């Protein structure tokens, strides 16, 4: 095993130990899934992490997702699209057949996806993106419209399999503000469990401990894993 692969294996192990500590503080019954965000890393690092036992990776751009999934098509990786989707890239996205899209951020996008998915006779697992911080730089549904939007998409887009919700907390070091974002999102998640929501995707390298303490069961972490 080369030194980089060994380092990645150690990074992953250390992170999983930290996640486990936080999980047990929240609930011994909670199961947490980890998406390794590979947007800033290369094929060899992804392959090394795969060889260390990790299977789920997230990309922000459809072009990067396309290139990396093609180059690693011999590996049974679960690819998640976690970035904003431009409508002119929908056909490319559907051809890639990601395991999940975490960034369903508008009714318009849901309608466009439904048209293409129905045409291809395929289904796509998605998470509804919530703009819990109300920052204009972030896409997603406002907290007060998210529940209605979730129900509407279930009705109008049968080829979209909604599995839960995702949020990105406020871009701040203020833990109380970050926690407020996660609490609001958890409240929405709880109300949507009767409508099939089982994934609450919150938390990145800088705030995953706060996310776990507020019920997150999926984390999207990149720099803590791929650091040198």
Foldseek 3Di string as FASTA:
>chain_A
DDPLLVQLLVLVVVVVVVLCVLLVVQPPPFAAAEAAECAPHDLVNVVSVVVSPDAHYEYADLVVLLVNCVVVVVDNHQYEHEHDDDLVCLVSVVVSQHQEYQEPFDPVSLLSNLVVCVVVVAAHEYAFEEALLPDPVDTHHHLVCVLVSVVVSVVNRVRYHYAYHEYEFDPDPPLVRRLSSLLSRLVSRVVCVVVRHDAYEYEEPNCNSSNSNSPHRYYYYYCSSNPD
